[in-house]
Amino acid sequence: MMAHSATFNAARFTEQTGNTIPNLAAMVASRICHDLVSPLGAIGNGLELMQLSPQGQGAELSLVAESTENANARLRYYRIAFGTVSSGQSISRAEVVSILDALQAHQKHKVIWACDSELSRKQVKLVFLLLMCLESTIPWGGEIEISTTPTGVQLVAHSQRMRIEDTLWEALGNGGAIGEMTSAKVHFAVTGAEIAAQGCYVSLSERSTSFHIDVALQ
């Protein structure tokens, strides 16, 4: 039983347990995604059964089914991008492609996974975060290609119309610091923090109709 009067050294406990704010945030994200997988899966299974019946062919049910598929796809993506990753944890190329393909029907841009070698789950986590940042540059549609290089990975966004906010991309080089934080910018902050945590070198280059990110992976 805890005493009625106690004094805690939060800094000391954080150092011992590793429960820093970024780590706790990743754990929360993993927990939320984990707890939502089963109910969303059950909804999807129920919808499939309903669609097999003569009464289950309406537009309303199709809309619900489409929304459920979108939610499942995003949940799988966010679980990797924002969740915790154990050292040495792996993820297959087939699973990565499956996640990206599931999202494809619900977005304006096309994503091509052209990596000719498998990446660790930790590396895919960073790539997924960078992909979210790149998606912000082509809100009107386009194409993003991800491929391996001799030193790591390259992500290239192609579009005739791009929106690039320098202050957000600067966060990738300063540990994720952003002046006025909002939910629409949080993925840049998380990505910057992840780059710093992994000790990666990232270079950016803007061209007329494309934006390039080169990552030297550790």
Protein backbone atom coordinates (compact mmCIF):
# COMPACT_ATOMS: atom_id res chain seq x y z
CA MET A 1 0.00 0.00 0.00
CA MET A 2 1.29 3.45 -0.91
CA ALA A 3 2.03 5.80 1.96
CA HIS A 4 -0.19 8.85 2.34
CA SER A 5 2.85 11.06 1.97
CA ALA A 6 5.48 10.30 -0.67
CA THR A 7 8.07 12.07 -2.77
CA PHE A 8 8.97 10.86 -6.25
CA ASN A 9 11.95 11.67 -8.45
CA ALA A 10 10.30 11.48 -11.87
CA ALA A 11 13.54 12.14 -13.72
CA ARG A 12 15.24 9.19 -12.01
CA PHE A 13 12.38 6.79 -12.77
CA THR A 14 12.26 7.94 -16.40
CA GLU A 15 15.98 7.26 -16.76
CA GLN A 16 15.63 3.79 -15.27
CA THR A 17 12.52 2.67 -17.19
CA GLY A 18 13.04 4.44 -20.49
CA ASN A 19 9.49 5.85 -20.25
CA THR A 20 10.23 9.08 -22.08
CA ILE A 21 7.39 11.05 -23.66
CA PRO A 22 8.17 9.78 -27.22
CA ASN A 23 8.35 6.18 -26.00
CA LEU A 24 5.10 6.47 -24.06
CA ALA A 25 3.37 8.06 -27.06
CA ALA A 26 4.46 5.14 -29.26
CA MET A 27 3.21 2.67 -26.64
CA VAL A 28 -0.15 4.44 -26.51
CA ALA A 29 -0.39 4.33 -30.31
CA SER A 30 0.41 0.61 -30.29
CA ARG A 31 -2.19 -0.04 -27.60
CA ILE A 32 -4.94 1.89 -29.41
CA CYS A 33 -4.22 0.14 -32.71
CA HIS A 34 -4.07 -3.27 -31.00
CA ASP A 35 -7.38 -2.75 -29.22
CA LEU A 36 -9.17 -1.56 -32.38
CA VAL A 37 -8.03 -4.37 -34.68
CA SER A 38 -10.43 -7.00 -33.33
CA PRO A 39 -13.66 -4.94 -33.33
CA LEU A 40 -12.95 -3.55 -36.80
CA GLY A 41 -12.24 -7.05 -38.04
CA ALA A 42 -15.53 -8.27 -36.56
CA ILE A 43 -17.42 -5.42 -38.25
CA GLY A 44 -15.81 -6.34 -41.56
CA ASN A 45 -16.75 -10.00 -41.18
CA GLY A 46 -20.32 -9.05 -40.29
CA LEU A 47 -20.60 -6.81 -43.33
CA GLU A 48 -19.39 -9.60 -45.60
CA LEU A 49 -22.11 -11.91 -44.28
CA MET A 50 -24.77 -9.22 -44.69
CA GLN A 51 -23.69 -8.57 -48.29
CA LEU A 52 -24.23 -12.24 -49.13
CA SER A 53 -27.94 -11.91 -48.45
CA PRO A 54 -30.40 -10.49 -51.06
CA GLN A 55 -31.12 -7.57 -48.72
CA GLY A 56 -27.43 -6.70 -48.39
CA GLN A 57 -26.78 -5.23 -51.83
CA GLY A 58 -27.73 -1.60 -51.11
CA ALA A 59 -25.54 1.46 -51.57
CA GLU A 60 -25.69 2.22 -47.85
CA LEU A 61 -24.09 -1.09 -46.91
CA SER A 62 -21.44 -0.69 -49.61
CA LEU A 63 -20.54 2.72 -48.17
CA VAL A 64 -20.17 1.25 -44.68
CA ALA A 65 -18.04 -1.59 -46.06
CA GLU A 66 -15.78 0.83 -47.90
CA SER A 67 -15.32 2.97 -44.80
CA THR A 68 -14.50 -0.10 -42.72
CA GLU A 69 -11.87 -1.22 -45.24
CA ASN A 70 -10.34 2.27 -45.14
CA ALA A 71 -10.25 2.27 -41.34
CA ASN A 72 -8.60 -1.18 -41.26
CA ALA A 73 -5.98 -0.13 -43.80
CA ARG A 74 -5.11 3.07 -41.93
CA LEU A 75 -4.96 1.23 -38.63
CA ARG A 76 -2.39 -1.22 -40.02
CA TYR A 77 -0.36 1.69 -41.39
CA TYR A 78 -0.49 3.76 -38.19
CA ARG A 79 0.44 0.75 -36.08
CA ILE A 80 3.80 0.64 -37.84
CA ALA A 81 4.34 4.38 -38.31
CA PHE A 82 3.46 5.49 -34.77
CA GLY A 83 3.74 2.31 -32.70
CA THR A 84 6.64 0.76 -30.81
CA VAL A 85 9.24 -1.35 -32.60
CA SER A 86 11.47 -3.87 -30.87
CA SER A 87 15.12 -4.13 -31.82
CA GLY A 88 15.63 -6.62 -34.64
CA GLN A 89 11.90 -6.89 -35.40
CA SER A 90 11.23 -7.71 -39.04
CA ILE A 91 8.44 -7.16 -41.55
CA SER A 92 8.09 -8.85 -44.91
CA ARG A 93 7.94 -7.05 -48.24
CA ALA A 94 4.60 -8.76 -48.87
CA GLU A 95 3.09 -7.25 -45.73
CA VAL A 96 4.36 -3.76 -46.59
CA VAL A 97 2.90 -3.99 -50.10
CA SER A 98 -0.36 -5.35 -48.71
CA ILE A 99 -0.73 -2.36 -46.37
CA LEU A 100 0.02 0.17 -49.12
CA ASP A 101 -2.29 -1.57 -51.60
CA ALA A 102 -5.14 -1.54 -49.08
CA LEU A 103 -4.78 2.24 -48.75
CA GLN A 104 -4.55 2.79 -52.50
CA ALA A 105 -8.30 2.78 -53.12
CA HIS A 106 -8.85 5.55 -50.58
CA GLN A 107 -6.32 8.20 -51.66
CA LYS A 108 -5.73 10.53 -54.60
CA HIS A 109 -2.09 9.60 -55.15
CA LYS A 110 -0.40 6.35 -56.15
CA VAL A 111 2.36 4.73 -54.07
CA ILE A 112 4.86 2.40 -55.73
CA TRP A 113 6.99 0.19 -53.45
CA ALA A 114 9.99 -0.58 -55.64
CA CYS A 115 12.42 -1.68 -52.93
CA ASP A 116 14.36 -4.70 -54.17
CA SER A 117 15.42 -5.77 -50.68
CA GLU A 118 13.55 -6.22 -47.42
CA LEU A 119 13.84 -3.59 -44.70
CA SER A 120 13.59 -4.05 -40.96
CA ARG A 121 10.38 -3.00 -39.25
CA LYS A 122 12.27 -0.09 -37.67
CA GLN A 123 13.38 1.11 -41.11
CA VAL A 124 9.88 0.69 -42.54
CA LYS A 125 8.54 2.75 -39.63
CA LEU A 126 10.73 5.67 -40.70
CA VAL A 127 9.82 5.21 -44.37
CA PHE A 128 6.10 5.21 -43.53
CA LEU A 129 6.53 8.44 -41.56
CA LEU A 130 8.46 10.05 -44.43
CA LEU A 131 5.73 8.86 -46.79
CA MET A 132 3.14 10.72 -44.72
CA CYS A 133 5.25 13.87 -44.99
CA LEU A 134 5.54 13.46 -48.75
CA GLU A 135 1.79 12.97 -49.05
CA SER A 136 1.38 16.45 -47.60
CA THR A 137 3.25 17.87 -50.59
CA ILE A 138 0.85 16.41 -53.18
CA PRO A 139 -2.68 16.95 -51.76
CA TRP A 140 -4.08 17.25 -55.29
CA GLY A 141 -2.77 13.87 -56.38
CA GLY A 142 0.37 12.44 -57.94
CA GLU A 143 2.73 9.52 -57.51
CA ILE A 144 5.26 8.50 -54.86
CA GLU A 145 7.93 5.90 -55.59
CA ILE A 146 10.01 4.26 -52.86
CA SER A 147 13.16 2.40 -53.84
CA THR A 148 16.35 1.14 -52.24
CA THR A 149 19.74 2.73 -52.86
CA PRO A 150 23.30 1.57 -52.05
CA THR A 151 23.12 3.45 -48.74
CA GLY A 152 19.43 3.25 -47.85
CA VAL A 153 16.15 4.36 -49.34
CA GLN A 154 14.93 7.06 -51.70
CA LEU A 155 11.39 8.46 -51.78
CA VAL A 156 10.32 10.59 -54.73
CA ALA A 157 7.00 12.42 -55.09
CA HIS A 158 5.88 13.39 -58.59
CA SER A 159 3.11 15.89 -59.26
CA GLN A 160 2.32 18.78 -61.57
CA ARG A 161 1.14 20.74 -58.54
CA MET A 162 2.97 20.63 -55.22
CA ARG A 163 2.73 22.34 -51.82
CA ILE A 164 6.00 22.52 -49.90
CA GLU A 165 6.22 24.26 -46.53
CA ASP A 166 9.88 24.80 -45.67
CA THR A 167 9.23 25.30 -41.95
CA LEU A 168 7.74 21.80 -41.71
CA TRP A 169 10.56 20.09 -43.60
CA GLU A 170 13.10 21.83 -41.37
CA ALA A 171 11.70 19.75 -38.51
CA LEU A 172 13.29 16.68 -40.08
CA GLY A 173 16.73 18.11 -39.37
CA ASN A 174 16.20 19.51 -35.88
CA GLY A 175 14.71 16.59 -33.97
CA GLY A 176 11.12 17.41 -34.82
CA ALA A 177 10.91 20.93 -33.38
CA ILE A 178 8.02 22.90 -34.89
CA GLY A 179 7.07 26.41 -33.82
CA GLU A 180 3.27 26.20 -33.83
CA MET A 181 2.28 22.56 -33.45
CA THR A 182 -1.07 21.35 -34.77
CA SER A 183 -2.51 17.91 -35.48
CA ALA A 184 -2.02 18.55 -39.20
CA LYS A 185 1.74 18.95 -38.64
CA VAL A 186 2.40 16.31 -35.99
CA HIS A 187 3.74 13.69 -38.44
CA PHE A 188 6.61 16.04 -39.33
CA ALA A 189 7.50 16.36 -35.65
CA VAL A 190 7.32 12.59 -35.11
CA THR A 191 9.41 11.98 -38.23
CA GLY A 192 12.09 14.43 -37.13
CA ALA A 193 12.27 12.77 -33.73
CA GLU A 194 12.49 9.31 -35.32
CA ILE A 195 15.31 10.41 -37.65
CA ALA A 196 17.24 11.69 -34.63
CA ALA A 197 16.52 8.51 -32.66
CA GLN A 198 17.73 6.26 -35.48
CA GLY A 199 20.76 8.45 -36.22
CA CYS A 200 19.96 8.58 -39.92
CA TYR A 201 21.19 11.09 -42.47
CA VAL A 202 18.39 12.55 -44.61
CA SER A 203 18.77 14.90 -47.58
CA LEU A 204 15.98 16.74 -49.41
CA SER A 205 15.91 18.15 -52.93
CA GLU A 206 13.13 19.95 -54.77
CA ARG A 207 12.81 19.95 -58.54
CA SER A 208 10.24 21.34 -60.97
CA THR A 209 7.65 18.55 -60.64
CA SER A 210 9.22 16.29 -58.02
CA PHE A 211 10.47 16.23 -54.44
CA HIS A 212 13.23 13.80 -53.40
CA ILE A 213 14.13 12.36 -50.01
CA ASP A 214 17.32 10.30 -49.68
CA VAL A 215 17.83 8.39 -46.45
CA ALA A 216 21.08 6.78 -45.34
CA LEU A 217 19.74 4.04 -43.08
CA GLN A 218 21.55 2.69 -40.03
